[in-house]
Amino acid sequence: MILTIVSLIFGCNQRNKSNNEKVEIHIDSIGLKIVKKNVKSSSELISFLENPIDLIEYKNQKKNWTSSGFNGFSYYYSPQKRDSIYYAYTYPNDNENPMRFDKIIVFKYGENKQIYNDNTERLIGMNIFSNDSLLGKANLIGLTTSRIKSRFGESELSTSDKLIYINENKIILLKIENNKVASFKFLKLNTNNIDKELIKLIEN
């Protein structure tokens, strides 16, 4: 019964169009909670998820970084390009733990795929832990949950410590501590069917 309800939430064919109806359901061990059946994505959220940062400008301004190429996960968005690879660029910040360094993931292909400054690469994901003005509109660390909701609207999904926003094949998971954004993860995916199992993979 729960799975049926979830498929309706994530599907396109929602029968009940009442804007006032709210549902709260906890699912399995991840504590995923559906906070609304009908949440219309705000224009700012749609714009943000489509292009959260000026990728070229951000990379040009960052002076210290490490990189690694890898094949990517099966759920990553994968443009149909030959001779392609994913790169993770890691940028040190004030955190002592390297696992909390800021990171962006890009899709690269062709003759420039081994070059840092590549105008053809595409942003796939971001793991952000620090307040950084170079992020522009994606400088979300430290914002209150009320400020996030004023920008993006009510989150369609949440857990006990996260707000989760989705539009088409793009998702952002905002980690909340003391009513403020402590970190976030953004991803472009290979599917619009973002269910609880996929969210578990993304969280890990």
N, C-alpha and C. Protein backbone atom coordinates (compact mmCIF):
# COMPACT_ATOMS: atom_id res chain seq x y z
N MET A 1 0.84 -1.20 0.00
CA MET A 1 0.00 0.00 0.00
C MET A 1 0.87 1.25 0.00
N ILE A 2 1.96 1.24 0.81
CA ILE A 2 2.85 2.38 0.86
C ILE A 2 3.53 2.58 -0.47
N LEU A 3 3.97 1.48 -1.10
CA LEU A 3 4.63 1.60 -2.38
C LEU A 3 3.70 2.16 -3.43
N THR A 4 2.44 1.80 -3.38
CA THR A 4 1.46 2.32 -4.32
C THR A 4 1.32 3.82 -4.16
N ILE A 5 1.26 4.27 -2.91
CA ILE A 5 1.13 5.69 -2.65
C ILE A 5 2.36 6.42 -3.15
N VAL A 6 3.55 5.86 -2.89
CA VAL A 6 4.78 6.51 -3.32
C VAL A 6 4.84 6.64 -4.82
N SER A 7 4.42 5.60 -5.55
CA SER A 7 4.46 5.66 -7.00
C SER A 7 3.53 6.74 -7.53
N LEU A 8 2.44 6.96 -6.82
CA LEU A 8 1.52 8.02 -7.22
C LEU A 8 2.14 9.39 -6.99
N ILE A 9 2.87 9.51 -5.87
CA ILE A 9 3.49 10.79 -5.56
C ILE A 9 4.51 11.15 -6.61
N PHE A 10 5.34 10.19 -6.99
CA PHE A 10 6.40 10.47 -7.93
C PHE A 10 5.93 10.41 -9.38
N GLY A 11 4.76 9.83 -9.61
CA GLY A 11 4.27 9.71 -10.97
C GLY A 11 3.61 10.98 -11.44
N CYS A 12 3.22 10.98 -12.68
CA CYS A 12 2.60 12.18 -13.26
C CYS A 12 1.09 12.18 -13.11
N ASN A 13 0.52 11.02 -12.91
CA ASN A 13 -0.93 10.91 -12.92
C ASN A 13 -1.49 10.96 -11.51
N GLN A 14 -1.46 12.12 -10.92
CA GLN A 14 -2.03 12.28 -9.59
C GLN A 14 -3.52 12.55 -9.74
N ARG A 15 -4.31 11.71 -9.11
CA ARG A 15 -5.76 11.83 -9.27
C ARG A 15 -6.33 12.96 -8.42
N ASN A 16 -5.77 13.12 -7.22
CA ASN A 16 -6.32 14.12 -6.30
C ASN A 16 -5.56 15.42 -6.50
N LYS A 17 -6.22 16.46 -6.95
CA LYS A 17 -5.58 17.73 -7.26
C LYS A 17 -5.81 18.78 -6.18
N SER A 18 -6.30 18.39 -5.02
CA SER A 18 -6.55 19.36 -3.96
C SER A 18 -5.24 19.93 -3.44
N ASN A 19 -5.09 21.26 -3.48
CA ASN A 19 -3.87 21.90 -3.00
C ASN A 19 -3.78 21.91 -1.49
N ASN A 20 -4.86 21.62 -0.81
CA ASN A 20 -4.87 21.69 0.64
C ASN A 20 -4.60 20.36 1.31
N GLU A 21 -4.63 19.27 0.56
CA GLU A 21 -4.47 17.95 1.16
C GLU A 21 -3.01 17.68 1.44
N LYS A 22 -2.71 17.27 2.66
CA LYS A 22 -1.35 16.95 3.05
C LYS A 22 -1.31 15.51 3.57
N VAL A 23 -0.16 14.86 3.34
CA VAL A 23 0.01 13.49 3.79
C VAL A 23 1.36 13.40 4.47
N GLU A 24 1.46 12.66 5.56
CA GLU A 24 2.73 12.41 6.20
C GLU A 24 2.88 10.91 6.39
N ILE A 25 3.87 10.32 5.73
CA ILE A 25 4.08 8.88 5.75
C ILE A 25 5.56 8.62 5.98
N HIS A 26 5.92 7.81 6.95
CA HIS A 26 7.31 7.41 7.17
C HIS A 26 7.53 6.07 6.48
N ILE A 27 8.61 5.97 5.75
CA ILE A 27 8.86 4.79 4.94
C ILE A 27 10.18 4.14 5.33
N ASP A 28 10.11 2.90 5.78
CA ASP A 28 11.29 2.09 6.03
C ASP A 28 12.30 2.80 6.92
N SER A 29 13.58 2.43 6.77
CA SER A 29 14.60 2.89 7.70
C SER A 29 15.09 4.29 7.43
N ILE A 30 14.88 4.82 6.23
CA ILE A 30 15.41 6.16 5.94
C ILE A 30 14.48 7.26 6.43
N GLY A 31 13.29 6.91 6.88
CA GLY A 31 12.38 7.90 7.44
C GLY A 31 11.89 8.91 6.44
N LEU A 32 11.78 8.52 5.18
CA LEU A 32 11.31 9.44 4.15
C LEU A 32 9.87 9.83 4.43
N LYS A 33 9.59 11.12 4.37
CA LYS A 33 8.26 11.62 4.69
C LYS A 33 7.72 12.41 3.51
N ILE A 34 6.53 12.05 3.05
CA ILE A 34 5.86 12.81 2.01
C ILE A 34 5.06 13.90 2.71
N VAL A 35 5.43 15.15 2.47
CA VAL A 35 4.76 16.22 3.19
C VAL A 35 3.60 16.82 2.42
N LYS A 36 3.57 16.60 1.11
CA LYS A 36 2.42 17.06 0.33
C LYS A 36 2.22 16.15 -0.86
N LYS A 37 0.97 15.98 -1.24
CA LYS A 37 0.69 15.22 -2.45
C LYS A 37 0.93 16.08 -3.69
N ASN A 38 0.54 17.34 -3.61
CA ASN A 38 0.62 18.21 -4.79
C ASN A 38 1.47 19.43 -4.46
N VAL A 39 2.74 19.36 -4.80
CA VAL A 39 3.64 20.47 -4.58
C VAL A 39 4.11 20.97 -5.93
N LYS A 40 3.74 22.18 -6.28
CA LYS A 40 4.14 22.75 -7.55
C LYS A 40 5.51 23.40 -7.40
N SER A 41 6.47 22.96 -8.22
CA SER A 41 7.82 23.51 -8.15
C SER A 41 7.81 24.99 -8.47
N SER A 42 8.50 25.78 -7.66
CA SER A 42 8.57 27.22 -7.91
C SER A 42 9.47 27.48 -9.11
N SER A 43 9.29 28.61 -9.75
CA SER A 43 10.11 28.97 -10.90
C SER A 43 11.57 29.11 -10.50
N GLU A 44 11.83 29.61 -9.29
CA GLU A 44 13.21 29.74 -8.84
C GLU A 44 13.85 28.38 -8.63
N LEU A 45 13.09 27.43 -8.08
CA LEU A 45 13.62 26.07 -7.90
C LEU A 45 13.95 25.45 -9.25
N ILE A 46 13.03 25.55 -10.20
CA ILE A 46 13.26 24.97 -11.53
C ILE A 46 14.51 25.56 -12.16
N SER A 47 14.65 26.88 -12.08
CA SER A 47 15.82 27.55 -12.64
C SER A 47 17.10 27.13 -11.92
N PHE A 48 17.03 27.04 -10.61
CA PHE A 48 18.20 26.65 -9.82
C PHE A 48 18.66 25.24 -10.18
N LEU A 49 17.74 24.29 -10.21
CA LEU A 49 18.12 22.91 -10.49
C LEU A 49 18.63 22.73 -11.91
N GLU A 50 18.17 23.57 -12.80
CA GLU A 50 18.64 23.48 -14.19
C GLU A 50 20.08 23.97 -14.31
N ASN A 51 20.43 24.99 -13.54
CA ASN A 51 21.76 25.58 -13.66
C ASN A 51 22.15 26.23 -12.33
N PRO A 52 22.58 25.43 -11.34
CA PRO A 52 22.81 25.97 -10.00
C PRO A 52 24.02 26.89 -9.88
N ILE A 53 25.04 26.73 -10.74
CA ILE A 53 26.21 27.60 -10.68
C ILE A 53 26.68 27.94 -12.09
N ASP A 54 27.45 29.01 -12.16
CA ASP A 54 28.19 29.33 -13.38
C ASP A 54 29.45 28.47 -13.33
N LEU A 55 29.40 27.31 -13.95
CA LEU A 55 30.46 26.30 -13.79
C LEU A 55 31.82 26.84 -14.23
N ILE A 56 31.89 27.47 -15.38
CA ILE A 56 33.16 27.96 -15.90
C ILE A 56 33.76 29.02 -14.97
N GLU A 57 32.93 29.97 -14.54
CA GLU A 57 33.41 31.03 -13.67
C GLU A 57 33.85 30.49 -12.32
N TYR A 58 33.07 29.56 -11.77
CA TYR A 58 33.41 28.97 -10.47
C TYR A 58 34.77 28.29 -10.54
N LYS A 59 34.97 27.46 -11.55
CA LYS A 59 36.24 26.73 -11.66
C LYS A 59 37.41 27.68 -11.91
N ASN A 60 37.19 28.72 -12.70
CA ASN A 60 38.27 29.67 -12.97
C ASN A 60 38.71 30.41 -11.71
N GLN A 61 37.78 30.63 -10.78
CA GLN A 61 38.08 31.38 -9.57
C GLN A 61 38.72 30.51 -8.49
N LYS A 62 38.54 29.22 -8.57
CA LYS A 62 39.09 28.32 -7.55
C LYS A 62 40.54 27.99 -7.90
N LYS A 63 41.44 28.25 -6.96
CA LYS A 63 42.87 28.11 -7.23
C LYS A 63 43.43 26.76 -6.79
N ASN A 64 42.90 26.21 -5.72
CA ASN A 64 43.43 24.95 -5.20
C ASN A 64 42.42 23.84 -5.44
N TRP A 65 42.88 22.76 -6.06
CA TRP A 65 41.96 21.67 -6.35
C TRP A 65 42.71 20.39 -6.65
N THR A 66 42.02 19.29 -6.47
CA THR A 66 42.51 17.98 -6.92
C THR A 66 41.42 17.38 -7.80
N SER A 67 41.80 16.46 -8.65
CA SER A 67 40.81 15.87 -9.56
C SER A 67 41.02 14.38 -9.69
N SER A 68 39.97 13.69 -10.05
CA SER A 68 40.06 12.25 -10.32
C SER A 68 39.00 11.89 -11.35
N GLY A 69 39.39 11.07 -12.31
CA GLY A 69 38.45 10.58 -13.30
C GLY A 69 37.87 9.25 -12.89
N PHE A 70 36.61 9.03 -13.21
CA PHE A 70 35.98 7.76 -12.86
C PHE A 70 34.81 7.51 -13.80
N ASN A 71 34.26 6.30 -13.72
CA ASN A 71 33.21 5.89 -14.66
C ASN A 71 31.82 6.39 -14.27
N GLY A 72 31.67 6.87 -13.05
CA GLY A 72 30.36 7.36 -12.61
C GLY A 72 29.46 6.24 -12.13
N PHE A 73 28.40 6.62 -11.43
CA PHE A 73 27.41 5.65 -10.97
C PHE A 73 26.32 5.48 -12.02
N SER A 74 25.66 4.36 -11.97
CA SER A 74 24.66 4.04 -13.00
C SER A 74 23.52 5.03 -13.03
N TYR A 75 23.27 5.73 -11.92
CA TYR A 75 22.14 6.66 -11.86
C TYR A 75 22.53 8.07 -12.28
N TYR A 76 23.79 8.34 -12.59
CA TYR A 76 24.19 9.65 -13.07
C TYR A 76 23.61 9.93 -14.45
N TYR A 77 23.27 11.18 -14.68
CA TYR A 77 22.90 11.60 -16.03
C TYR A 77 24.08 11.38 -16.96
N SER A 78 23.81 10.76 -18.10
CA SER A 78 24.89 10.41 -19.02
C SER A 78 24.53 10.83 -20.44
N PRO A 79 25.00 11.99 -20.89
CA PRO A 79 24.78 12.38 -22.28
C PRO A 79 25.39 11.35 -23.22
N GLN A 80 24.75 11.15 -24.33
CA GLN A 80 25.21 10.14 -25.28
C GLN A 80 26.39 10.70 -26.09
N LYS A 81 27.57 10.61 -25.49
CA LYS A 81 28.79 11.08 -26.13
C LYS A 81 29.84 9.98 -26.07
N ARG A 82 30.55 9.81 -27.16
CA ARG A 82 31.64 8.85 -27.18
C ARG A 82 32.87 9.41 -26.46
N ASP A 83 33.73 8.49 -26.05
CA ASP A 83 35.01 8.87 -25.44
C ASP A 83 34.78 9.81 -24.27
N SER A 84 33.92 9.41 -23.36
CA SER A 84 33.53 10.28 -22.25
C SER A 84 34.00 9.72 -20.91
N ILE A 85 33.99 10.60 -19.91
CA ILE A 85 34.40 10.23 -18.56
C ILE A 85 33.82 11.25 -17.58
N TYR A 86 33.63 10.83 -16.34
CA TYR A 86 33.24 11.74 -15.27
C TYR A 86 34.49 12.18 -14.51
N TYR A 87 34.50 13.42 -14.11
CA TYR A 87 35.59 13.93 -13.27
C TYR A 87 34.99 14.51 -12.00
N ALA A 88 35.67 14.24 -10.88
CA ALA A 88 35.34 14.87 -9.61
C ALA A 88 36.44 15.87 -9.28
N TYR A 89 36.06 17.12 -9.11
CA TYR A 89 37.00 18.16 -8.69
C TYR A 89 36.73 18.49 -7.23
N THR A 90 37.77 18.35 -6.42
CA THR A 90 37.65 18.57 -4.98
C THR A 90 38.38 19.85 -4.60
N TYR A 91 37.70 20.70 -3.82
CA TYR A 91 38.25 22.00 -3.45
C TYR A 91 38.36 22.08 -1.93
N PRO A 92 39.59 22.17 -1.40
CA PRO A 92 39.76 22.29 0.05
C PRO A 92 39.05 23.52 0.60
N ASN A 93 38.56 23.40 1.83
CA ASN A 93 37.92 24.52 2.51
C ASN A 93 38.42 24.55 3.94
N ASP A 94 37.67 25.15 4.84
CA ASP A 94 38.11 25.28 6.22
C ASP A 94 37.92 24.01 7.04
N ASN A 95 37.27 23.00 6.48
CA ASN A 95 37.07 21.76 7.20
C ASN A 95 38.38 20.97 7.27
N GLU A 96 38.66 20.41 8.43
CA GLU A 96 39.84 19.57 8.57
C GLU A 96 39.62 18.19 7.96
N ASN A 97 38.39 17.75 7.92
CA ASN A 97 38.06 16.43 7.37
C ASN A 97 37.96 16.52 5.85
N PRO A 98 38.84 15.83 5.13
CA PRO A 98 38.78 15.87 3.66
C PRO A 98 37.46 15.38 3.08
N MET A 99 36.73 14.56 3.84
CA MET A 99 35.43 14.09 3.37
C MET A 99 34.41 15.22 3.31
N ARG A 100 34.74 16.36 3.93
CA ARG A 100 33.84 17.51 3.92
C ARG A 100 34.39 18.66 3.07
N PHE A 101 35.33 18.33 2.18
CA PHE A 101 35.76 19.32 1.19
C PHE A 101 34.67 19.44 0.13
N ASP A 102 34.55 20.62 -0.45
CA ASP A 102 33.56 20.82 -1.50
C ASP A 102 33.97 20.07 -2.76
N LYS A 103 32.98 19.56 -3.48
CA LYS A 103 33.26 18.75 -4.66
C LYS A 103 32.22 19.01 -5.73
N ILE A 104 32.67 19.08 -6.97
CA ILE A 104 31.74 19.11 -8.09
C ILE A 104 32.07 17.94 -9.01
N ILE A 105 31.05 17.42 -9.67
CA ILE A 105 31.20 16.30 -10.59
C ILE A 105 30.76 16.76 -11.97
N VAL A 106 31.59 16.51 -12.96
CA VAL A 106 31.28 16.95 -14.31
C VAL A 106 31.41 15.77 -15.28
N PHE A 107 30.70 15.90 -16.39
CA PHE A 107 30.78 14.95 -17.49
C PHE A 107 31.65 15.58 -18.58
N LYS A 108 32.70 14.86 -19.00
CA LYS A 108 33.64 15.39 -19.98
C LYS A 108 33.76 14.40 -21.14
N TYR A 109 34.05 14.93 -22.30
CA TYR A 109 34.21 14.07 -23.47
C TYR A 109 35.10 14.76 -24.51
N GLY A 110 35.57 13.97 -25.45
CA GLY A 110 36.32 14.53 -26.56
C GLY A 110 37.74 14.91 -26.23
N GLU A 111 38.32 15.74 -27.06
CA GLU A 111 39.75 16.04 -26.97
C GLU A 111 40.13 16.86 -25.75
N ASN A 112 39.17 17.54 -25.14
CA ASN A 112 39.47 18.37 -23.97
C ASN A 112 39.15 17.70 -22.65
N LYS A 113 38.85 16.43 -22.66
CA LYS A 113 38.34 15.80 -21.43
C LYS A 113 39.39 15.71 -20.33
N GLN A 114 40.67 15.81 -20.66
CA GLN A 114 41.71 15.78 -19.64
C GLN A 114 42.12 17.18 -19.20
N ILE A 115 41.48 18.19 -19.73
CA ILE A 115 41.84 19.58 -19.43
C ILE A 115 40.89 20.16 -18.39
N TYR A 116 41.45 20.90 -17.43
CA TYR A 116 40.63 21.49 -16.36
C TYR A 116 39.64 22.50 -16.93
N ASN A 117 40.13 23.44 -17.72
CA ASN A 117 39.26 24.47 -18.30
C ASN A 117 38.67 23.95 -19.61
N ASP A 118 37.52 23.35 -19.51
CA ASP A 118 36.87 22.70 -20.64
C ASP A 118 35.47 23.26 -20.79
N ASN A 119 35.23 24.05 -21.83
CA ASN A 119 33.94 24.71 -22.01
C ASN A 119 32.83 23.75 -22.42
N THR A 120 33.18 22.53 -22.78
CA THR A 120 32.16 21.57 -23.22
C THR A 120 31.66 20.66 -22.11
N GLU A 121 32.32 20.69 -20.95
CA GLU A 121 31.92 19.78 -19.87
C GLU A 121 30.55 20.18 -19.31
N ARG A 122 29.88 19.23 -18.67
CA ARG A 122 28.54 19.46 -18.14
C ARG A 122 28.50 19.13 -16.65
N LEU A 123 27.87 20.00 -15.90
CA LEU A 123 27.74 19.77 -14.46
C LEU A 123 26.78 18.62 -14.20
N ILE A 124 27.22 17.66 -13.38
CA ILE A 124 26.39 16.52 -13.00
C ILE A 124 26.01 16.58 -11.53
N GLY A 125 26.95 16.98 -10.68
CA GLY A 125 26.64 16.96 -9.25
C GLY A 125 27.51 17.90 -8.45
N MET A 126 27.06 18.17 -7.23
CA MET A 126 27.79 19.00 -6.28
C MET A 126 27.60 18.45 -4.88
N ASN A 127 28.69 18.41 -4.10
CA ASN A 127 28.63 18.15 -2.67
C ASN A 127 29.26 19.36 -1.99
N ILE A 128 28.46 20.15 -1.30
CA ILE A 128 28.93 21.43 -0.77
C ILE A 128 28.78 21.46 0.76
N PHE A 129 29.88 21.89 1.42
CA PHE A 129 29.90 21.95 2.88
C PHE A 129 30.24 23.34 3.42
N SER A 130 30.70 24.24 2.57
CA SER A 130 31.18 25.53 3.07
C SER A 130 30.42 26.69 2.46
N ASN A 131 30.38 27.77 3.21
CA ASN A 131 29.82 29.02 2.71
C ASN A 131 30.84 29.65 1.77
N ASP A 132 30.46 29.87 0.53
CA ASP A 132 31.42 30.33 -0.48
C ASP A 132 30.69 31.23 -1.47
N SER A 133 31.05 32.52 -1.48
CA SER A 133 30.37 33.47 -2.36
C SER A 133 30.57 33.14 -3.83
N LEU A 134 31.62 32.38 -4.17
CA LEU A 134 31.85 32.00 -5.56
C LEU A 134 30.77 31.08 -6.09
N LEU A 135 29.99 30.49 -5.19
CA LEU A 135 28.89 29.61 -5.61
C LEU A 135 27.70 30.40 -6.14
N GLY A 136 27.68 31.69 -5.92
CA GLY A 136 26.57 32.50 -6.40
C GLY A 136 25.26 32.08 -5.75
N LYS A 137 24.25 31.81 -6.56
CA LYS A 137 22.94 31.46 -6.01
C LYS A 137 22.94 30.11 -5.30
N ALA A 138 24.00 29.32 -5.49
CA ALA A 138 24.11 28.04 -4.80
C ALA A 138 24.85 28.15 -3.47
N ASN A 139 25.10 29.37 -3.02
CA ASN A 139 25.73 29.58 -1.71
C ASN A 139 24.65 29.47 -0.63
N LEU A 140 24.29 28.24 -0.33
CA LEU A 140 23.14 27.96 0.53
C LEU A 140 23.52 27.64 1.98
N ILE A 141 24.79 27.37 2.23
CA ILE A 141 25.19 26.96 3.58
C ILE A 141 24.93 28.10 4.57
N GLY A 142 24.25 27.75 5.66
CA GLY A 142 23.93 28.73 6.69
C GLY A 142 22.57 29.37 6.54
N LEU A 143 21.91 29.17 5.40
CA LEU A 143 20.56 29.72 5.24
C LEU A 143 19.58 28.94 6.13
N THR A 144 18.61 29.64 6.66
CA THR A 144 17.60 28.99 7.50
C THR A 144 16.62 28.22 6.63
N THR A 145 15.92 27.27 7.24
CA THR A 145 14.92 26.51 6.49
C THR A 145 13.81 27.42 5.98
N SER A 146 13.48 28.44 6.75
CA SER A 146 12.43 29.37 6.29
C SER A 146 12.89 30.14 5.06
N ARG A 147 14.18 30.50 5.02
CA ARG A 147 14.71 31.20 3.85
C ARG A 147 14.71 30.27 2.63
N ILE A 148 15.09 29.02 2.83
CA ILE A 148 15.07 28.04 1.73
C ILE A 148 13.65 27.89 1.19
N LYS A 149 12.69 27.77 2.07
CA LYS A 149 11.30 27.58 1.63
C LYS A 149 10.74 28.83 0.97
N SER A 150 11.23 30.00 1.37
CA SER A 150 10.77 31.22 0.71
C SER A 150 11.31 31.30 -0.72
N ARG A 151 12.46 30.68 -0.96
CA ARG A 151 13.04 30.67 -2.30
C ARG A 151 12.48 29.54 -3.16
N PHE A 152 12.44 28.34 -2.60
CA PHE A 152 12.13 27.14 -3.38
C PHE A 152 10.73 26.60 -3.15
N GLY A 153 10.02 27.13 -2.16
CA GLY A 153 8.71 26.59 -1.83
C GLY A 153 8.79 25.45 -0.83
N GLU A 154 7.67 24.84 -0.59
CA GLU A 154 7.61 23.70 0.34
C GLU A 154 8.28 22.50 -0.31
N SER A 155 9.13 21.80 0.46
CA SER A 155 9.80 20.62 -0.10
C SER A 155 8.80 19.48 -0.24
N GLU A 156 8.92 18.78 -1.35
CA GLU A 156 8.00 17.66 -1.60
C GLU A 156 8.28 16.49 -0.67
N LEU A 157 9.55 16.32 -0.33
CA LEU A 157 9.96 15.21 0.52
C LEU A 157 10.87 15.72 1.62
N SER A 158 10.91 14.98 2.72
CA SER A 158 11.84 15.33 3.79
C SER A 158 12.13 14.11 4.62
N THR A 159 13.25 14.17 5.35
CA THR A 159 13.54 13.20 6.40
C THR A 159 13.67 14.01 7.69
N SER A 160 14.10 13.37 8.75
CA SER A 160 14.22 14.08 10.02
C SER A 160 15.25 15.19 9.96
N ASP A 161 16.23 15.09 9.05
CA ASP A 161 17.28 16.11 9.00
C ASP A 161 17.56 16.60 7.58
N LYS A 162 16.64 16.40 6.65
CA LYS A 162 16.88 16.84 5.28
C LYS A 162 15.60 17.39 4.65
N LEU A 163 15.80 18.38 3.79
CA LEU A 163 14.76 18.82 2.86
C LEU A 163 15.18 18.36 1.48
N ILE A 164 14.23 17.80 0.73
CA ILE A 164 14.55 17.21 -0.57
C ILE A 164 13.65 17.86 -1.62
N TYR A 165 14.29 18.47 -2.62
CA TYR A 165 13.57 19.09 -3.72
C TYR A 165 13.89 18.36 -5.02
N ILE A 166 12.87 18.16 -5.84
CA ILE A 166 13.01 17.40 -7.08
C ILE A 166 12.30 18.15 -8.20
N ASN A 167 12.92 18.17 -9.37
CA ASN A 167 12.24 18.60 -10.58
C ASN A 167 12.79 17.80 -11.75
N GLU A 168 11.90 17.03 -12.36
CA GLU A 168 12.27 16.14 -13.46
C GLU A 168 13.40 15.22 -13.00
N ASN A 169 14.57 15.27 -13.66
CA ASN A 169 15.65 14.35 -13.30
C ASN A 169 16.70 14.99 -12.41
N LYS A 170 16.34 16.07 -11.73
CA LYS A 170 17.31 16.78 -10.90
C LYS A 170 16.82 16.81 -9.45
N ILE A 171 17.78 16.67 -8.52
CA ILE A 171 17.44 16.58 -7.10
C ILE A 171 18.48 17.33 -6.28
N ILE A 172 18.01 17.96 -5.21
CA ILE A 172 18.92 18.54 -4.22
C ILE A 172 18.47 18.09 -2.84
N LEU A 173 19.42 17.59 -2.06
CA LEU A 173 19.18 17.16 -0.69
C LEU A 173 19.90 18.12 0.23
N LEU A 174 19.15 18.82 1.06
CA LEU A 174 19.72 19.81 1.96
C LEU A 174 19.78 19.24 3.37
N LYS A 175 20.99 19.09 3.91
CA LYS A 175 21.16 18.60 5.28
C LYS A 175 20.92 19.75 6.25
N ILE A 176 20.00 19.55 7.19
CA ILE A 176 19.61 20.62 8.12
C ILE A 176 20.14 20.32 9.51
N GLU A 177 20.81 21.31 10.09
CA GLU A 177 21.26 21.24 11.49
C GLU A 177 20.93 22.56 12.16
N ASN A 178 20.27 22.48 13.30
CA ASN A 178 19.88 23.69 14.04
C ASN A 178 19.10 24.66 13.16
N ASN A 179 18.22 24.09 12.34
CA ASN A 179 17.32 24.86 11.50
C ASN A 179 18.04 25.65 10.39
N LYS A 180 19.28 25.22 10.06
CA LYS A 180 20.03 25.86 9.00
C LYS A 180 20.65 24.81 8.09
N VAL A 181 20.93 25.20 6.85
CA VAL A 181 21.56 24.29 5.91
C VAL A 181 23.02 24.09 6.30
N ALA A 182 23.39 22.84 6.59
CA ALA A 182 24.76 22.51 6.97
C ALA A 182 25.58 22.00 5.78
N SER A 183 24.91 21.37 4.82
CA SER A 183 25.55 20.88 3.61
C SER A 183 24.45 20.54 2.62
N PHE A 184 24.84 20.34 1.36
CA PHE A 184 23.84 19.88 0.40
C PHE A 184 24.49 19.06 -0.70
N LYS A 185 23.67 18.23 -1.32
CA LYS A 185 24.09 17.41 -2.45
C LYS A 185 23.11 17.63 -3.59
N PHE A 186 23.66 17.96 -4.75
CA PHE A 186 22.87 18.16 -5.97
C PHE A 186 23.29 17.14 -7.00
N LEU A 187 22.31 16.59 -7.75
CA LEU A 187 22.62 15.62 -8.80
C LEU A 187 21.65 15.72 -9.96
N LYS A 188 22.18 15.53 -11.16
CA LYS A 188 21.37 15.28 -12.34
C LYS A 188 21.39 13.77 -12.59
N LEU A 189 20.21 13.20 -12.78
CA LEU A 189 20.07 11.75 -12.83
C LEU A 189 19.67 11.28 -14.22
N ASN A 190 19.75 9.98 -14.41
CA ASN A 190 19.40 9.40 -15.71
C ASN A 190 17.94 9.02 -15.81
N THR A 191 17.14 9.45 -14.84
CA THR A 191 15.72 9.10 -14.81
C THR A 191 14.92 10.19 -14.14
N ASN A 192 13.65 10.30 -14.51
CA ASN A 192 12.72 11.18 -13.81
C ASN A 192 11.98 10.45 -12.70
N ASN A 193 12.14 9.14 -12.64
CA ASN A 193 11.45 8.32 -11.64
C ASN A 193 12.34 8.20 -10.40
N ILE A 194 12.29 9.21 -9.56
CA ILE A 194 13.15 9.27 -8.38
C ILE A 194 12.38 8.69 -7.19
N ASP A 195 12.64 7.43 -6.89
CA ASP A 195 11.91 6.76 -5.82
C ASP A 195 12.78 6.65 -4.57
N LYS A 196 12.23 6.01 -3.54
CA LYS A 196 12.93 5.95 -2.26
C LYS A 196 14.23 5.16 -2.33
N GLU A 197 14.30 4.15 -3.17
CA GLU A 197 15.52 3.37 -3.30
C GLU A 197 16.63 4.20 -3.93
N LEU A 198 16.29 5.00 -4.93
CA LEU A 198 17.28 5.86 -5.56
C LEU A 198 17.75 6.94 -4.59
N ILE A 199 16.85 7.48 -3.81
CA ILE A 199 17.24 8.48 -2.81
C ILE A 199 18.21 7.89 -1.80
N LYS A 200 18.01 6.65 -1.39
CA LYS A 200 18.94 5.99 -0.48
C LYS A 200 20.33 5.89 -1.09
N LEU A 201 20.41 5.57 -2.39
CA LEU A 201 21.71 5.48 -3.06
C LEU A 201 22.38 6.85 -3.10
N ILE A 202 21.60 7.87 -3.40
CA ILE A 202 22.16 9.22 -3.50
C ILE A 202 22.67 9.70 -2.15
N GLU A 203 21.97 9.38 -1.10
CA GLU A 203 22.36 9.83 0.24
C GLU A 203 23.68 9.23 0.68
N ASN A 204 23.99 8.02 0.26
CA ASN A 204 25.20 7.32 0.71
C ASN A 204 26.45 7.82 0.01
